Structure formats: structure tokens, C-alpha cells
Amino acid sequence: MSAELEHDPEPESLSDELVTVDAVPGCHRRLTWELRLRQAVQSWSDFRAALIAQGGLDQTRLASVWELELPPEGHRLIVVPATGRVQLRLHYLTLAEARSGTALAVASAIAAWVR
């Protein structure tokens, strides 16, 4: 078993001026992060349109849960407009030591796109 899987550290939270990302406690590999935007989303349809305008590929299968792939890395953004939940799923090939920084960088870019 790898050292990464032997110890599940406490949930991690990182912030900048636009967003806070929280590692999902059950994800031992730090690939899944919850996003909290500092600026409230006024229109979820505008939020979705902004992501698509920035190159997001709409992979949605259910109207109530949106899924967008964020090229070129292949990260995924899951959005539940009814509850305001926004989750980032990093691509599984993201280097373990870079996952926290990548989560914050991707989330910050998303927050800037949807302002």
C-alpha cells in the first residue's frame, strides 16, 4: 500500500480572493474538491454558459446535475444548480504533490470566468 493511502489527513481548505476549495474528506487521493465562490452565482445558466465559452465541454446527462469537462487537463466540474453545490474532480493523472495547488488554481480560473 502506498504511503499516500496509509494516512488520510484532515480535510484541507485553501482560499484566495475569489474562491475557497475544500478537499472532500472521503477522497483519500485528494482528487475531489468542493468549491465555494466568494461571489454568489446570480444566474446558473450564465455560469454554465461562461464555462462553455472558456472551452468547457458539456457532458451533462441529467438536467439536475451538470457535468463539464475542462480541457486540456480533463478535470471535471459537477454542478447542482438547485443546491448551489459545485465540485471539482481533478484528473486522476494529476501528480499527488500538485493536487492541492491544482485544485485552487483551477477553481480560481473558474471563479474568474464566471464573474
Foldseek 3Di string as FASTA:
>chain_A
DDPLQVDQDDWDWDDDPFWIWIQDSVPSLSQKIWIDTPDDQPDVVLLVVLQVVQPWQWPDDDPQWTWTFRPDQRWIWIARPVVGTIMIGGDPPPDSVCNVVVVHVVSVVSRVSSD
